[in-house]
Amino acid sequence: MIKPISAIFVLLAALVLAGCGRSYVPKPYGYYRLNLPEQQYQLFDSATMPFRFELSESAYVQPMSGQNEGLWFDIVYPELRARINCTYKPVNGHLAELSKDAQEFVYKHASLASSIPEQGFENPERGMYGVFYAIRGNTASPFQFYMTDSTRHFLRGAVYFNCVPNQDSLAPAFDYMEEDLRHLIETLEWK
């Protein structure tokens, strides 16, 4: 009877001693490293759209169908899993409504945003006026804009990433998209 108890005691002592090695340290969270493509641009000029702009070579335009008002399209960045949802509408005397709607879309993110700085764009020679919004914080859309000539054309856009919003881990992609979006706005021309 003593032998089985001794064997169990020796086995338990061996297990306890084997478990007394290094202390466990949890691994910190890590994020994938983004290999962002070099920013190069080409002119996007479609016969079906009343404007043209320089578009990143790493993106493409995807028209949306089934919309009953205006012109809807996405600018898709497959490597970043991002897109810019764009809507074009003729002003037809409704500039105040269109501007108000664009601002309401931006401020729907206010509850999650830490700040929403606005930057105005103005180029009277080309008939370009608009606002760029950088929505700081873990929001669904980090950047939005609208551009108009105030009489005929109105273009609105919002950037979305196909992932959970985390401003820290997406910071390089946000910087890349912000530069591309600003370039698009600065090269936009009405036909």
N, C-alpha and C. Protein backbone atom coordinates (compact mmCIF):
# COMPACT_ATOMS: atom_id res chain seq x y z
N MET A 1 0.80 -1.18 0.00
CA MET A 1 0.00 0.00 0.00
C MET A 1 0.86 1.27 0.00
N ILE A 2 2.02 1.19 0.56
CA ILE A 2 2.89 2.35 0.61
C ILE A 2 3.48 2.64 -0.77
N LYS A 3 3.71 1.65 -1.55
CA LYS A 3 4.33 1.86 -2.85
C LYS A 3 3.45 2.69 -3.79
N PRO A 4 2.14 2.45 -3.96
CA PRO A 4 1.35 3.31 -4.86
C PRO A 4 1.28 4.76 -4.38
N ILE A 5 1.20 5.00 -3.09
CA ILE A 5 1.15 6.37 -2.57
C ILE A 5 2.50 7.04 -2.82
N SER A 6 3.60 6.34 -2.66
CA SER A 6 4.93 6.89 -2.93
C SER A 6 5.06 7.25 -4.41
N ALA A 7 4.54 6.40 -5.27
CA ALA A 7 4.62 6.66 -6.71
C ALA A 7 3.83 7.92 -7.09
N ILE A 8 2.64 8.07 -6.50
CA ILE A 8 1.81 9.26 -6.77
C ILE A 8 2.51 10.51 -6.24
N PHE A 9 3.10 10.42 -5.05
CA PHE A 9 3.81 11.55 -4.47
C PHE A 9 5.00 11.96 -5.34
N VAL A 10 5.77 10.99 -5.81
CA VAL A 10 6.93 11.27 -6.66
C VAL A 10 6.47 11.90 -7.98
N LEU A 11 5.38 11.40 -8.54
CA LEU A 11 4.85 11.93 -9.80
C LEU A 11 4.37 13.37 -9.62
N LEU A 12 3.65 13.67 -8.55
CA LEU A 12 3.19 15.03 -8.28
C LEU A 12 4.37 15.97 -8.03
N ALA A 13 5.37 15.52 -7.30
CA ALA A 13 6.55 16.35 -7.05
C ALA A 13 7.28 16.65 -8.36
N ALA A 14 7.35 15.67 -9.26
CA ALA A 14 8.02 15.88 -10.55
C ALA A 14 7.25 16.90 -11.39
N LEU A 15 5.91 16.80 -11.36
CA LEU A 15 5.09 17.77 -12.11
C LEU A 15 5.24 19.18 -11.56
N VAL A 16 5.27 19.33 -10.25
CA VAL A 16 5.41 20.64 -9.63
C VAL A 16 6.77 21.23 -9.98
N LEU A 17 7.82 20.44 -9.90
CA LEU A 17 9.16 20.92 -10.21
C LEU A 17 9.30 21.25 -11.69
N ALA A 18 8.65 20.49 -12.57
CA ALA A 18 8.72 20.76 -14.01
C ALA A 18 8.00 22.06 -14.35
N GLY A 19 6.95 22.38 -13.59
CA GLY A 19 6.19 23.60 -13.85
C GLY A 19 6.82 24.84 -13.26
N CYS A 20 7.89 24.73 -12.53
CA CYS A 20 8.52 25.88 -11.89
C CYS A 20 9.66 26.42 -12.73
N GLY A 21 9.44 26.56 -14.02
CA GLY A 21 10.48 27.11 -14.89
C GLY A 21 10.32 28.61 -15.00
N ARG A 22 10.29 29.08 -16.23
CA ARG A 22 10.14 30.51 -16.49
C ARG A 22 8.72 30.97 -16.17
N SER A 23 8.62 32.22 -15.79
CA SER A 23 7.29 32.76 -15.55
C SER A 23 6.68 33.16 -16.90
N TYR A 24 5.39 33.03 -17.02
CA TYR A 24 4.67 33.33 -18.26
C TYR A 24 4.52 34.84 -18.43
N VAL A 25 4.85 35.33 -19.61
CA VAL A 25 4.66 36.74 -19.95
C VAL A 25 3.79 36.78 -21.20
N PRO A 26 2.62 37.42 -21.13
CA PRO A 26 1.75 37.46 -22.31
C PRO A 26 2.38 38.30 -23.42
N LYS A 27 2.13 37.89 -24.65
CA LYS A 27 2.65 38.63 -25.79
C LYS A 27 1.80 39.88 -25.99
N PRO A 28 2.43 40.99 -26.31
CA PRO A 28 1.66 42.22 -26.57
C PRO A 28 0.92 42.09 -27.91
N TYR A 29 -0.16 42.87 -28.04
CA TYR A 29 -0.88 42.88 -29.30
C TYR A 29 0.02 43.45 -30.37
N GLY A 30 -0.07 42.89 -31.54
CA GLY A 30 0.69 43.38 -32.67
C GLY A 30 -0.23 43.66 -33.84
N TYR A 31 0.23 44.45 -34.76
CA TYR A 31 -0.55 44.80 -35.93
C TYR A 31 0.25 44.44 -37.18
N TYR A 32 -0.46 44.12 -38.25
CA TYR A 32 0.21 43.81 -39.50
C TYR A 32 0.93 45.06 -40.01
N ARG A 33 2.06 44.84 -40.59
CA ARG A 33 2.78 45.95 -41.21
C ARG A 33 2.19 46.18 -42.58
N LEU A 34 1.85 47.42 -42.86
CA LEU A 34 1.27 47.76 -44.15
C LEU A 34 2.36 48.13 -45.14
N ASN A 35 2.37 47.48 -46.27
CA ASN A 35 3.27 47.85 -47.35
C ASN A 35 2.47 48.71 -48.31
N LEU A 36 2.57 50.01 -48.13
CA LEU A 36 1.78 50.93 -48.92
C LEU A 36 2.44 51.17 -50.27
N PRO A 37 1.64 51.15 -51.34
CA PRO A 37 2.23 51.41 -52.66
C PRO A 37 2.67 52.86 -52.79
N GLU A 38 3.61 53.10 -53.68
CA GLU A 38 4.06 54.47 -53.93
C GLU A 38 2.90 55.25 -54.54
N GLN A 39 2.76 56.51 -54.13
CA GLN A 39 1.65 57.31 -54.63
C GLN A 39 1.98 57.89 -55.99
N GLN A 40 1.34 57.32 -56.99
CA GLN A 40 1.45 57.80 -58.37
C GLN A 40 0.03 57.98 -58.89
N TYR A 41 -0.14 58.95 -59.76
CA TYR A 41 -1.49 59.33 -60.18
C TYR A 41 -1.63 59.32 -61.69
N GLN A 42 -2.86 59.11 -62.12
CA GLN A 42 -3.20 59.17 -63.53
C GLN A 42 -4.55 59.89 -63.65
N LEU A 43 -4.79 60.49 -64.79
CA LEU A 43 -6.01 61.24 -65.00
C LEU A 43 -7.19 60.28 -65.15
N PHE A 44 -8.24 60.51 -64.38
CA PHE A 44 -9.50 59.77 -64.54
C PHE A 44 -10.48 60.72 -65.20
N ASP A 45 -10.92 60.37 -66.40
CA ASP A 45 -11.84 61.20 -67.17
C ASP A 45 -12.82 60.27 -67.87
N SER A 46 -13.99 60.12 -67.29
CA SER A 46 -15.02 59.24 -67.85
C SER A 46 -16.05 60.08 -68.61
N ALA A 47 -16.50 59.59 -69.74
CA ALA A 47 -17.50 60.30 -70.53
C ALA A 47 -18.84 60.40 -69.80
N THR A 48 -19.08 59.52 -68.83
CA THR A 48 -20.37 59.52 -68.11
C THR A 48 -20.36 60.43 -66.88
N MET A 49 -19.23 61.01 -66.55
CA MET A 49 -19.15 61.84 -65.35
C MET A 49 -18.81 63.29 -65.72
N PRO A 50 -19.46 64.27 -65.09
CA PRO A 50 -19.24 65.67 -65.44
C PRO A 50 -18.03 66.32 -64.75
N PHE A 51 -17.03 65.54 -64.45
CA PHE A 51 -15.81 66.03 -63.81
C PHE A 51 -14.69 65.09 -64.14
N ARG A 52 -13.47 65.52 -63.85
CA ARG A 52 -12.28 64.68 -64.00
C ARG A 52 -11.34 65.01 -62.84
N PHE A 53 -10.46 64.08 -62.53
CA PHE A 53 -9.51 64.27 -61.44
C PHE A 53 -8.38 63.29 -61.61
N GLU A 54 -7.30 63.51 -60.88
CA GLU A 54 -6.19 62.55 -60.88
C GLU A 54 -6.46 61.51 -59.80
N LEU A 55 -6.35 60.26 -60.21
CA LEU A 55 -6.66 59.11 -59.37
C LEU A 55 -5.40 58.31 -59.11
N SER A 56 -5.27 57.80 -57.90
CA SER A 56 -4.13 56.96 -57.55
C SER A 56 -4.09 55.73 -58.46
N GLU A 57 -2.89 55.33 -58.88
CA GLU A 57 -2.74 54.13 -59.71
C GLU A 57 -3.08 52.86 -58.95
N SER A 58 -3.14 52.93 -57.61
CA SER A 58 -3.48 51.75 -56.82
C SER A 58 -4.98 51.66 -56.54
N ALA A 59 -5.78 52.51 -57.20
CA ALA A 59 -7.23 52.51 -57.00
C ALA A 59 -7.94 52.42 -58.34
N TYR A 60 -9.22 52.09 -58.29
CA TYR A 60 -10.05 52.09 -59.49
C TYR A 60 -11.45 52.58 -59.13
N VAL A 61 -12.17 53.06 -60.14
CA VAL A 61 -13.52 53.58 -59.95
C VAL A 61 -14.52 52.48 -60.25
N GLN A 62 -15.45 52.29 -59.32
CA GLN A 62 -16.49 51.28 -59.46
C GLN A 62 -17.85 51.98 -59.46
N PRO A 63 -18.51 52.09 -60.62
CA PRO A 63 -19.83 52.73 -60.65
C PRO A 63 -20.84 51.93 -59.85
N MET A 64 -21.78 52.61 -59.22
CA MET A 64 -22.85 51.97 -58.46
C MET A 64 -24.13 52.09 -59.28
N SER A 65 -24.90 51.04 -59.33
CA SER A 65 -26.15 51.09 -60.09
C SER A 65 -27.33 51.02 -59.13
N GLY A 66 -28.50 51.31 -59.66
CA GLY A 66 -29.71 51.21 -58.87
C GLY A 66 -30.03 52.44 -58.05
N GLN A 67 -29.26 53.50 -58.20
CA GLN A 67 -29.54 54.74 -57.46
C GLN A 67 -30.53 55.56 -58.27
N ASN A 68 -31.51 56.15 -57.62
CA ASN A 68 -32.55 56.86 -58.34
C ASN A 68 -32.27 58.35 -58.47
N GLU A 69 -31.23 58.85 -57.84
CA GLU A 69 -30.97 60.28 -57.90
C GLU A 69 -29.47 60.52 -57.88
N GLY A 70 -28.97 61.30 -58.82
CA GLY A 70 -27.56 61.62 -58.84
C GLY A 70 -26.72 60.50 -59.44
N LEU A 71 -25.43 60.63 -59.26
CA LEU A 71 -24.45 59.69 -59.79
C LEU A 71 -23.66 59.16 -58.60
N TRP A 72 -23.67 57.85 -58.40
CA TRP A 72 -23.00 57.23 -57.26
C TRP A 72 -21.88 56.34 -57.78
N PHE A 73 -20.72 56.40 -57.12
CA PHE A 73 -19.60 55.54 -57.48
C PHE A 73 -18.67 55.40 -56.28
N ASP A 74 -17.86 54.37 -56.30
CA ASP A 74 -16.83 54.15 -55.27
C ASP A 74 -15.46 54.21 -55.92
N ILE A 75 -14.51 54.76 -55.20
CA ILE A 75 -13.11 54.67 -55.57
C ILE A 75 -12.53 53.61 -54.64
N VAL A 76 -12.13 52.48 -55.20
CA VAL A 76 -11.75 51.31 -54.41
C VAL A 76 -10.23 51.17 -54.36
N TYR A 77 -9.71 50.96 -53.14
CA TYR A 77 -8.30 50.69 -52.89
C TYR A 77 -8.19 49.25 -52.38
N PRO A 78 -8.04 48.27 -53.27
CA PRO A 78 -8.07 46.86 -52.83
C PRO A 78 -6.95 46.49 -51.85
N GLU A 79 -5.76 47.05 -52.01
CA GLU A 79 -4.64 46.69 -51.11
C GLU A 79 -4.86 47.21 -49.70
N LEU A 80 -5.58 48.32 -49.56
CA LEU A 80 -5.84 48.90 -48.24
C LEU A 80 -7.18 48.47 -47.67
N ARG A 81 -7.95 47.73 -48.47
CA ARG A 81 -9.32 47.36 -48.08
C ARG A 81 -10.10 48.62 -47.71
N ALA A 82 -10.00 49.62 -48.58
CA ALA A 82 -10.65 50.91 -48.34
C ALA A 82 -11.40 51.33 -49.59
N ARG A 83 -12.33 52.26 -49.38
CA ARG A 83 -13.07 52.83 -50.51
C ARG A 83 -13.53 54.23 -50.15
N ILE A 84 -13.69 55.04 -51.18
CA ILE A 84 -14.25 56.36 -51.03
C ILE A 84 -15.63 56.31 -51.68
N ASN A 85 -16.68 56.39 -50.87
CA ASN A 85 -18.05 56.43 -51.40
C ASN A 85 -18.31 57.85 -51.89
N CYS A 86 -18.61 58.00 -53.18
CA CYS A 86 -18.81 59.32 -53.78
C CYS A 86 -20.22 59.45 -54.33
N THR A 87 -20.75 60.65 -54.20
CA THR A 87 -22.06 60.98 -54.74
C THR A 87 -21.95 62.31 -55.46
N TYR A 88 -22.41 62.34 -56.71
CA TYR A 88 -22.46 63.59 -57.46
C TYR A 88 -23.93 63.92 -57.69
N LYS A 89 -24.29 65.18 -57.46
CA LYS A 89 -25.65 65.65 -57.74
C LYS A 89 -25.57 67.02 -58.38
N PRO A 90 -26.44 67.29 -59.34
CA PRO A 90 -26.52 68.66 -59.85
C PRO A 90 -27.14 69.56 -58.79
N VAL A 91 -26.69 70.79 -58.69
CA VAL A 91 -27.15 71.69 -57.64
C VAL A 91 -28.62 72.07 -57.83
N ASN A 92 -29.00 72.50 -59.02
CA ASN A 92 -30.39 72.87 -59.31
C ASN A 92 -31.01 73.76 -58.25
N GLY A 93 -30.26 74.73 -57.76
CA GLY A 93 -30.79 75.67 -56.78
C GLY A 93 -30.90 75.13 -55.36
N HIS A 94 -30.35 73.96 -55.08
CA HIS A 94 -30.45 73.33 -53.76
C HIS A 94 -29.11 73.23 -53.06
N LEU A 95 -28.25 74.21 -53.24
CA LEU A 95 -26.91 74.17 -52.63
C LEU A 95 -26.99 74.10 -51.12
N ALA A 96 -27.87 74.88 -50.50
CA ALA A 96 -27.97 74.88 -49.03
C ALA A 96 -28.37 73.49 -48.52
N GLU A 97 -29.31 72.82 -49.17
CA GLU A 97 -29.72 71.47 -48.76
C GLU A 97 -28.59 70.47 -48.91
N LEU A 98 -27.90 70.52 -50.06
CA LEU A 98 -26.82 69.58 -50.31
C LEU A 98 -25.68 69.76 -49.31
N SER A 99 -25.33 71.01 -49.01
CA SER A 99 -24.27 71.30 -48.03
C SER A 99 -24.68 70.83 -46.65
N LYS A 100 -25.93 71.08 -46.28
CA LYS A 100 -26.43 70.66 -44.97
C LYS A 100 -26.41 69.14 -44.84
N ASP A 101 -26.84 68.42 -45.89
CA ASP A 101 -26.81 66.96 -45.86
C ASP A 101 -25.39 66.44 -45.69
N ALA A 102 -24.43 67.04 -46.40
CA ALA A 102 -23.03 66.62 -46.30
C ALA A 102 -22.52 66.83 -44.88
N GLN A 103 -22.84 67.96 -44.28
CA GLN A 103 -22.41 68.23 -42.91
C GLN A 103 -23.06 67.27 -41.91
N GLU A 104 -24.33 66.93 -42.14
CA GLU A 104 -25.01 65.98 -41.25
C GLU A 104 -24.36 64.61 -41.30
N PHE A 105 -23.94 64.18 -42.50
CA PHE A 105 -23.23 62.90 -42.62
C PHE A 105 -21.95 62.93 -41.80
N VAL A 106 -21.23 64.04 -41.84
CA VAL A 106 -19.98 64.16 -41.08
C VAL A 106 -20.27 64.09 -39.59
N TYR A 107 -21.24 64.86 -39.12
CA TYR A 107 -21.46 64.99 -37.69
C TYR A 107 -22.26 63.82 -37.09
N LYS A 108 -22.63 62.84 -37.91
CA LYS A 108 -23.16 61.58 -37.37
C LYS A 108 -22.06 60.83 -36.61
N HIS A 109 -20.82 61.15 -36.91
CA HIS A 109 -19.67 60.50 -36.27
C HIS A 109 -19.21 61.24 -35.01
N ALA A 110 -19.88 62.32 -34.66
CA ALA A 110 -19.42 63.18 -33.56
C ALA A 110 -19.38 62.46 -32.22
N SER A 111 -20.28 61.50 -31.98
CA SER A 111 -20.30 60.82 -30.68
C SER A 111 -19.04 59.97 -30.45
N LEU A 112 -18.41 59.48 -31.53
CA LEU A 112 -17.19 58.67 -31.40
C LEU A 112 -15.92 59.46 -31.71
N ALA A 113 -16.07 60.64 -32.26
CA ALA A 113 -14.90 61.42 -32.67
C ALA A 113 -14.32 62.21 -31.51
N SER A 114 -13.00 62.32 -31.50
CA SER A 114 -12.35 63.17 -30.50
C SER A 114 -12.29 64.61 -30.99
N SER A 115 -12.28 64.80 -32.31
CA SER A 115 -12.36 66.14 -32.90
C SER A 115 -12.70 65.99 -34.38
N ILE A 116 -13.22 67.07 -34.95
CA ILE A 116 -13.55 67.08 -36.38
C ILE A 116 -13.05 68.39 -36.98
N PRO A 117 -11.75 68.49 -37.25
CA PRO A 117 -11.24 69.71 -37.88
C PRO A 117 -11.71 69.81 -39.34
N GLU A 118 -12.04 71.03 -39.74
CA GLU A 118 -12.49 71.31 -41.10
C GLU A 118 -11.45 72.16 -41.81
N GLN A 119 -11.27 71.92 -43.10
CA GLN A 119 -10.40 72.75 -43.90
C GLN A 119 -11.15 73.15 -45.16
N GLY A 120 -11.26 74.44 -45.40
CA GLY A 120 -11.93 74.92 -46.60
C GLY A 120 -11.02 74.88 -47.81
N PHE A 121 -11.61 74.60 -48.97
CA PHE A 121 -10.88 74.64 -50.24
C PHE A 121 -11.55 75.68 -51.12
N GLU A 122 -10.73 76.46 -51.80
CA GLU A 122 -11.27 77.50 -52.66
C GLU A 122 -10.32 77.73 -53.82
N ASN A 123 -10.85 77.64 -55.03
CA ASN A 123 -10.10 77.95 -56.24
C ASN A 123 -11.07 78.61 -57.21
N PRO A 124 -11.25 79.93 -57.09
CA PRO A 124 -12.23 80.64 -57.92
C PRO A 124 -11.97 80.54 -59.43
N GLU A 125 -10.70 80.44 -59.84
CA GLU A 125 -10.39 80.33 -61.26
C GLU A 125 -11.00 79.07 -61.87
N ARG A 126 -11.04 77.99 -61.11
CA ARG A 126 -11.61 76.73 -61.61
C ARG A 126 -13.03 76.49 -61.11
N GLY A 127 -13.58 77.41 -60.34
CA GLY A 127 -14.93 77.24 -59.82
C GLY A 127 -15.01 76.12 -58.79
N MET A 128 -14.04 76.05 -57.90
CA MET A 128 -13.97 74.99 -56.89
C MET A 128 -14.08 75.57 -55.50
N TYR A 129 -15.05 75.09 -54.76
CA TYR A 129 -15.24 75.49 -53.37
C TYR A 129 -15.65 74.23 -52.61
N GLY A 130 -15.14 74.08 -51.40
CA GLY A 130 -15.53 72.91 -50.64
C GLY A 130 -14.90 72.86 -49.27
N VAL A 131 -15.18 71.75 -48.59
CA VAL A 131 -14.69 71.53 -47.23
C VAL A 131 -14.18 70.11 -47.11
N PHE A 132 -13.03 69.96 -46.45
CA PHE A 132 -12.44 68.65 -46.14
C PHE A 132 -12.54 68.45 -44.64
N TYR A 133 -13.06 67.30 -44.20
CA TYR A 133 -13.22 66.98 -42.78
C TYR A 133 -12.30 65.81 -42.44
N ALA A 134 -11.48 65.98 -41.41
CA ALA A 134 -10.66 64.90 -40.86
C ALA A 134 -11.30 64.52 -39.53
N ILE A 135 -11.93 63.37 -39.48
CA ILE A 135 -12.69 62.96 -38.30
C ILE A 135 -11.77 62.11 -37.43
N ARG A 136 -11.29 62.68 -36.35
CA ARG A 136 -10.31 62.01 -35.48
C ARG A 136 -11.03 61.11 -34.47
N GLY A 137 -10.43 59.96 -34.20
CA GLY A 137 -11.01 59.00 -33.27
C GLY A 137 -11.34 57.71 -34.01
N ASN A 138 -11.88 56.74 -33.28
CA ASN A 138 -12.21 55.44 -33.87
C ASN A 138 -13.60 55.49 -34.49
N THR A 139 -13.71 56.19 -35.61
CA THR A 139 -14.98 56.35 -36.30
C THR A 139 -14.99 55.52 -37.57
N ALA A 140 -16.18 55.30 -38.11
CA ALA A 140 -16.32 54.50 -39.32
C ALA A 140 -15.69 55.18 -40.54
N SER A 141 -15.75 56.50 -40.59
CA SER A 141 -15.23 57.25 -41.74
C SER A 141 -14.24 58.31 -41.23
N PRO A 142 -12.94 58.13 -41.49
CA PRO A 142 -11.97 59.09 -40.99
C PRO A 142 -11.89 60.40 -41.78
N PHE A 143 -12.35 60.38 -43.06
CA PHE A 143 -12.27 61.58 -43.89
C PHE A 143 -13.53 61.70 -44.73
N GLN A 144 -14.01 62.93 -44.85
CA GLN A 144 -15.12 63.22 -45.74
C GLN A 144 -14.88 64.58 -46.37
N PHE A 145 -15.52 64.82 -47.49
CA PHE A 145 -15.37 66.10 -48.18
C PHE A 145 -16.60 66.37 -49.03
N TYR A 146 -16.75 67.63 -49.40
CA TYR A 146 -17.64 67.97 -50.49
C TYR A 146 -17.04 69.12 -51.27
N MET A 147 -17.30 69.12 -52.58
CA MET A 147 -16.81 70.15 -53.49
C MET A 147 -17.97 70.59 -54.37
N THR A 148 -17.98 71.88 -54.70
CA THR A 148 -19.05 72.43 -55.53
C THR A 148 -18.54 73.64 -56.29
N ASP A 149 -19.28 74.00 -57.35
CA ASP A 149 -19.04 75.28 -58.00
C ASP A 149 -20.12 76.27 -57.59
N SER A 150 -21.01 75.85 -56.72
CA SER A 150 -22.10 76.59 -56.09
C SER A 150 -23.30 76.87 -57.01
N THR A 151 -23.21 76.51 -58.30
CA THR A 151 -24.35 76.74 -59.18
C THR A 151 -24.82 75.49 -59.92
N ARG A 152 -23.87 74.61 -60.31
CA ARG A 152 -24.25 73.45 -61.13
C ARG A 152 -23.84 72.10 -60.54
N HIS A 153 -22.66 72.02 -59.95
CA HIS A 153 -22.09 70.73 -59.56
C HIS A 153 -21.92 70.61 -58.05
N PHE A 154 -22.12 69.36 -57.54
CA PHE A 154 -21.90 69.08 -56.11
C PHE A 154 -21.40 67.64 -56.00
N LEU A 155 -20.19 67.45 -55.44
CA LEU A 155 -19.59 66.13 -55.26
C LEU A 155 -19.25 65.95 -53.80
N ARG A 156 -19.70 64.81 -53.24
CA ARG A 156 -19.44 64.49 -51.84
C ARG A 156 -18.75 63.14 -51.77
N GLY A 157 -17.81 62.98 -50.82
CA GLY A 157 -17.12 61.71 -50.66
C GLY A 157 -16.84 61.40 -49.21
N ALA A 158 -16.81 60.09 -48.89
CA ALA A 158 -16.51 59.63 -47.53
C ALA A 158 -15.63 58.38 -47.63
N VAL A 159 -14.55 58.36 -46.86
CA VAL A 159 -13.62 57.24 -46.85
C VAL A 159 -14.08 56.21 -45.82
N TYR A 160 -14.05 54.92 -46.22
CA TYR A 160 -14.38 53.82 -45.31
C TYR A 160 -13.35 52.72 -45.48
N PHE A 161 -12.95 52.11 -44.37
CA PHE A 161 -12.07 50.94 -44.38
C PHE A 161 -12.91 49.72 -44.04
N ASN A 162 -12.61 48.61 -44.67
CA ASN A 162 -13.36 47.38 -44.43
C ASN A 162 -12.73 46.60 -43.26
N CYS A 163 -12.76 47.22 -42.08
CA CYS A 163 -12.23 46.60 -40.87
C CYS A 163 -12.75 47.38 -39.67
N VAL A 164 -12.49 46.85 -38.49
CA VAL A 164 -12.87 47.55 -37.26
C VAL A 164 -12.02 48.82 -37.16
N PRO A 165 -12.64 49.98 -36.92
CA PRO A 165 -11.84 51.21 -36.86
C PRO A 165 -10.95 51.25 -35.63
N ASN A 166 -9.66 51.38 -35.85
CA ASN A 166 -8.68 51.51 -34.79
C ASN A 166 -7.64 52.51 -35.28
N GLN A 167 -7.76 53.72 -34.83
CA GLN A 167 -6.93 54.81 -35.34
C GLN A 167 -5.44 54.53 -35.18
N ASP A 168 -5.04 53.86 -34.11
CA ASP A 168 -3.62 53.60 -33.89
C ASP A 168 -3.05 52.64 -34.93
N SER A 169 -3.73 51.52 -35.16
CA SER A 169 -3.18 50.52 -36.07
C SER A 169 -3.34 50.94 -37.53
N LEU A 170 -4.32 51.78 -37.84
CA LEU A 170 -4.56 52.20 -39.22
C LEU A 170 -3.90 53.53 -39.56
N ALA A 171 -3.12 54.09 -38.66
CA ALA A 171 -2.53 55.42 -38.88
C ALA A 171 -1.77 55.52 -40.21
N PRO A 172 -0.92 54.55 -40.60
CA PRO A 172 -0.24 54.69 -41.90
C PRO A 172 -1.22 54.70 -43.07
N ALA A 173 -2.25 53.87 -43.00
CA ALA A 173 -3.25 53.85 -44.08
C ALA A 173 -4.05 55.14 -44.09
N PHE A 174 -4.36 55.69 -42.91
CA PHE A 174 -5.07 56.98 -42.84
C PHE A 174 -4.25 58.08 -43.50
N ASP A 175 -2.94 58.12 -43.20
CA ASP A 175 -2.07 59.14 -43.78
C ASP A 175 -2.04 59.01 -45.30
N TYR A 176 -1.94 57.77 -45.77
CA TYR A 176 -1.92 57.51 -47.22
C TYR A 176 -3.21 57.98 -47.88
N MET A 177 -4.34 57.62 -47.28
CA MET A 177 -5.64 57.99 -47.85
C MET A 177 -5.86 59.50 -47.78
N GLU A 178 -5.41 60.14 -46.71
CA GLU A 178 -5.58 61.58 -46.60
C GLU A 178 -4.82 62.29 -47.72
N GLU A 179 -3.59 61.85 -47.99
CA GLU A 179 -2.81 62.47 -49.06
C GLU A 179 -3.47 62.25 -50.41
N ASP A 180 -3.97 61.03 -50.66
CA ASP A 180 -4.65 60.75 -51.93
C ASP A 180 -5.93 61.57 -52.08
N LEU A 181 -6.69 61.69 -51.00
CA LEU A 181 -7.94 62.44 -51.05
C LEU A 181 -7.68 63.92 -51.30
N ARG A 182 -6.69 64.46 -50.64
CA ARG A 182 -6.34 65.87 -50.88
C ARG A 182 -5.88 66.09 -52.33
N HIS A 183 -5.13 65.12 -52.87
CA HIS A 183 -4.70 65.23 -54.26
C HIS A 183 -5.91 65.19 -55.19
N LEU A 184 -6.84 64.31 -54.92
CA LEU A 184 -8.06 64.23 -55.73
C LEU A 184 -8.80 65.57 -55.71
N ILE A 185 -8.96 66.14 -54.53
CA ILE A 185 -9.68 67.43 -54.39
C ILE A 185 -8.94 68.54 -55.14
N GLU A 186 -7.63 68.58 -55.02
CA GLU A 186 -6.85 69.64 -55.65
C GLU A 186 -6.80 69.53 -57.17
N THR A 187 -7.01 68.33 -57.72
CA THR A 187 -6.96 68.14 -59.17
C THR A 187 -8.35 68.03 -59.80
N LEU A 188 -9.39 68.09 -58.99
CA LEU A 188 -10.76 67.98 -59.49
C LEU A 188 -11.10 69.16 -60.40
N GLU A 189 -11.70 68.86 -61.55
CA GLU A 189 -12.12 69.89 -62.50
C GLU A 189 -13.52 69.56 -62.99
N TRP A 190 -14.38 70.56 -63.10
CA TRP A 190 -15.70 70.37 -63.70
C TRP A 190 -15.56 70.44 -65.21
N LYS A 191 -16.36 69.68 -65.90
CA LYS A 191 -16.34 69.70 -67.38
C LYS A 191 -17.32 70.76 -67.88
